[in-house]
Amino acid sequence: MLASRWDAGWDLVHLVIGLVRIGIGSLPAVVRYPVLALGGAFLLYCVVTRWRARRSPADGLAETRLDT
């Protein structure tokens, strides 16, 4: 039986999470916590930026947007 594409996607997500945990876990605590803090700050920045962009469309883009 073939796996669905969702199963393959979840397997890929689990692989990436496992590799990140191994990579982060092997760092000393002095390096690990700042790396985690920077990664969390970057993730928060991306979420807030995307949220703000979706909430207030830029001026002039509404007329030129192509919906396909």
N, C-alpha and C. Protein backbone atom coordinates (compact mmCIF):
# COMPACT_ATOMS: atom_id res chain seq x y z
N MET A 1 0.84 -1.17 0.00
CA MET A 1 0.00 0.00 0.00
C MET A 1 0.90 1.24 0.00
N LEU A 2 0.56 2.18 -0.83
CA LEU A 2 1.34 3.41 -0.92
C LEU A 2 0.91 4.39 0.17
N ALA A 3 1.87 5.10 0.69
CA ALA A 3 1.57 6.11 1.70
C ALA A 3 1.01 7.35 1.00
N SER A 4 0.13 8.02 1.69
CA SER A 4 -0.40 9.24 1.11
C SER A 4 0.65 10.34 1.20
N ARG A 5 0.42 11.42 0.49
CA ARG A 5 1.39 12.50 0.53
C ARG A 5 1.41 13.16 1.90
N TRP A 6 0.29 13.09 2.64
CA TRP A 6 0.28 13.65 3.99
C TRP A 6 1.19 12.84 4.91
N ASP A 7 1.18 11.51 4.75
CA ASP A 7 2.07 10.68 5.56
C ASP A 7 3.53 11.00 5.25
N ALA A 8 3.84 11.18 4.00
CA ALA A 8 5.22 11.51 3.63
C ALA A 8 5.59 12.89 4.17
N GLY A 9 4.66 13.82 4.15
CA GLY A 9 4.91 15.15 4.71
C GLY A 9 5.18 15.10 6.20
N TRP A 10 4.36 14.34 6.93
CA TRP A 10 4.57 14.23 8.38
C TRP A 10 5.89 13.52 8.68
N ASP A 11 6.24 12.53 7.87
CA ASP A 11 7.53 11.87 8.06
C ASP A 11 8.68 12.85 7.87
N LEU A 12 8.57 13.72 6.89
CA LEU A 12 9.60 14.71 6.66
C LEU A 12 9.67 15.71 7.82
N VAL A 13 8.51 16.12 8.33
CA VAL A 13 8.49 17.03 9.48
C VAL A 13 9.14 16.38 10.69
N HIS A 14 8.83 15.12 10.94
CA HIS A 14 9.44 14.41 12.07
C HIS A 14 10.94 14.26 11.90
N LEU A 15 11.39 14.03 10.68
CA LEU A 15 12.82 13.92 10.41
C LEU A 15 13.52 15.24 10.71
N VAL A 16 12.95 16.35 10.24
CA VAL A 16 13.56 17.66 10.46
C VAL A 16 13.58 17.98 11.96
N ILE A 17 12.48 17.72 12.64
CA ILE A 17 12.43 17.98 14.09
C ILE A 17 13.47 17.14 14.82
N GLY A 18 13.60 15.89 14.45
CA GLY A 18 14.60 15.02 15.07
C GLY A 18 16.02 15.51 14.83
N LEU A 19 16.30 15.94 13.61
CA LEU A 19 17.64 16.44 13.32
C LEU A 19 17.93 17.73 14.07
N VAL A 20 16.93 18.59 14.19
CA VAL A 20 17.12 19.84 14.95
C VAL A 20 17.34 19.52 16.42
N ARG A 21 16.58 18.60 16.97
CA ARG A 21 16.74 18.25 18.38
C ARG A 21 18.12 17.66 18.64
N ILE A 22 18.62 16.84 17.73
CA ILE A 22 19.95 16.28 17.89
C ILE A 22 20.99 17.39 17.79
N GLY A 23 20.82 18.28 16.80
CA GLY A 23 21.77 19.37 16.62
C GLY A 23 21.78 20.34 17.79
N ILE A 24 20.61 20.71 18.28
CA ILE A 24 20.52 21.64 19.41
C ILE A 24 20.95 20.95 20.70
N GLY A 25 20.58 19.69 20.85
CA GLY A 25 20.92 18.97 22.07
C GLY A 25 22.41 18.74 22.26
N SER A 26 23.15 18.75 21.17
CA SER A 26 24.59 18.50 21.28
C SER A 26 25.38 19.77 21.61
N LEU A 27 24.71 20.92 21.57
CA LEU A 27 25.39 22.18 21.89
C LEU A 27 25.47 22.37 23.41
N PRO A 28 26.49 23.03 23.88
CA PRO A 28 26.53 23.38 25.31
C PRO A 28 25.43 24.39 25.64
N ALA A 29 25.00 24.41 26.89
CA ALA A 29 23.88 25.26 27.30
C ALA A 29 24.16 26.74 27.04
N VAL A 30 25.41 27.15 27.14
CA VAL A 30 25.76 28.55 26.91
C VAL A 30 25.45 28.96 25.48
N VAL A 31 25.53 28.05 24.55
CA VAL A 31 25.25 28.33 23.14
C VAL A 31 23.80 27.97 22.82
N ARG A 32 23.30 26.90 23.40
CA ARG A 32 21.96 26.38 23.07
C ARG A 32 20.86 27.40 23.34
N TYR A 33 20.86 28.02 24.51
CA TYR A 33 19.77 28.92 24.87
C TYR A 33 19.74 30.19 24.03
N PRO A 34 20.87 30.83 23.75
CA PRO A 34 20.81 31.97 22.82
C PRO A 34 20.36 31.57 21.41
N VAL A 35 20.76 30.40 20.95
CA VAL A 35 20.33 29.93 19.62
C VAL A 35 18.82 29.71 19.62
N LEU A 36 18.30 29.09 20.67
CA LEU A 36 16.85 28.89 20.77
C LEU A 36 16.11 30.23 20.87
N ALA A 37 16.67 31.17 21.63
CA ALA A 37 16.03 32.48 21.76
C ALA A 37 16.02 33.23 20.42
N LEU A 38 17.12 33.19 19.69
CA LEU A 38 17.16 33.84 18.37
C LEU A 38 16.20 33.17 17.39
N GLY A 39 16.15 31.85 17.42
CA GLY A 39 15.21 31.14 16.55
C GLY A 39 13.76 31.47 16.89
N GLY A 40 13.44 31.53 18.18
CA GLY A 40 12.09 31.90 18.59
C GLY A 40 11.74 33.32 18.22
N ALA A 41 12.71 34.24 18.38
CA ALA A 41 12.47 35.63 18.00
C ALA A 41 12.25 35.75 16.49
N PHE A 42 13.02 35.01 15.70
CA PHE A 42 12.84 35.03 14.26
C PHE A 42 11.47 34.47 13.86
N LEU A 43 11.06 33.39 14.49
CA LEU A 43 9.76 32.80 14.21
C LEU A 43 8.64 33.77 14.58
N LEU A 44 8.75 34.41 15.73
CA LEU A 44 7.76 35.40 16.14
C LEU A 44 7.71 36.57 15.16
N TYR A 45 8.87 37.04 14.71
CA TYR A 45 8.93 38.12 13.73
C TYR A 45 8.22 37.72 12.43
N CYS A 46 8.47 36.50 11.97
CA CYS A 46 7.82 36.04 10.73
C CYS A 46 6.31 35.97 10.89
N VAL A 47 5.84 35.46 12.02
CA VAL A 47 4.40 35.35 12.24
C VAL A 47 3.76 36.73 12.31
N VAL A 48 4.36 37.65 13.06
CA VAL A 48 3.79 38.99 13.19
C VAL A 48 3.82 39.73 11.85
N THR A 49 4.89 39.59 11.10
CA THR A 49 4.99 40.25 9.80
C THR A 49 3.92 39.73 8.84
N ARG A 50 3.73 38.43 8.82
CA ARG A 50 2.71 37.86 7.93
C ARG A 50 1.31 38.27 8.38
N TRP A 51 1.09 38.29 9.70
CA TRP A 51 -0.21 38.67 10.22
C TRP A 51 -0.53 40.12 9.88
N ARG A 52 0.46 41.01 10.03
CA ARG A 52 0.24 42.42 9.73
C ARG A 52 0.02 42.63 8.23
N ALA A 53 0.73 41.87 7.40
CA ALA A 53 0.58 42.00 5.95
C ALA A 53 -0.80 41.54 5.50
N ARG A 54 -1.34 40.53 6.14
CA ARG A 54 -2.65 40.03 5.76
C ARG A 54 -3.76 40.93 6.28
N ARG A 55 -3.52 41.57 7.40
CA ARG A 55 -4.55 42.42 7.99
C ARG A 55 -4.71 43.75 7.29
N SER A 56 -3.63 44.30 6.81
CA SER A 56 -3.71 45.60 6.13
C SER A 56 -3.02 45.51 4.77
N PRO A 57 -3.81 45.34 3.72
CA PRO A 57 -3.20 45.25 2.39
C PRO A 57 -2.51 46.56 2.01
N ALA A 58 -1.43 46.45 1.29
CA ALA A 58 -0.65 47.62 0.87
C ALA A 58 -1.46 48.45 -0.12
N ASP A 59 -1.21 49.75 -0.09
CA ASP A 59 -1.91 50.66 -1.00
C ASP A 59 -1.48 50.40 -2.44
N GLY A 60 -2.45 50.35 -3.33
CA GLY A 60 -2.13 50.20 -4.73
C GLY A 60 -2.02 48.76 -5.20
N LEU A 61 -1.89 47.82 -4.30
CA LEU A 61 -1.76 46.43 -4.73
C LEU A 61 -3.11 45.78 -5.00
N ALA A 62 -4.17 46.34 -4.45
CA ALA A 62 -5.49 45.74 -4.62
C ALA A 62 -5.92 45.79 -6.10
N GLU A 63 -5.54 46.83 -6.81
CA GLU A 63 -5.93 46.95 -8.20
C GLU A 63 -5.11 46.07 -9.12
N THR A 64 -3.86 45.81 -8.76
CA THR A 64 -2.97 45.06 -9.65
C THR A 64 -2.88 43.58 -9.30
N ARG A 65 -3.58 43.14 -8.29
CA ARG A 65 -3.50 41.74 -7.87
C ARG A 65 -4.20 40.85 -8.88
N LEU A 66 -3.54 39.77 -9.25
CA LEU A 66 -4.11 38.81 -10.18
C LEU A 66 -4.49 37.55 -9.44
N ASP A 67 -5.76 37.27 -9.38
CA ASP A 67 -6.24 36.04 -8.75
C ASP A 67 -6.37 34.96 -9.82
N THR A 68 -5.62 33.90 -9.63
CA THR A 68 -5.70 32.81 -10.60
C THR A 68 -6.11 31.55 -9.92
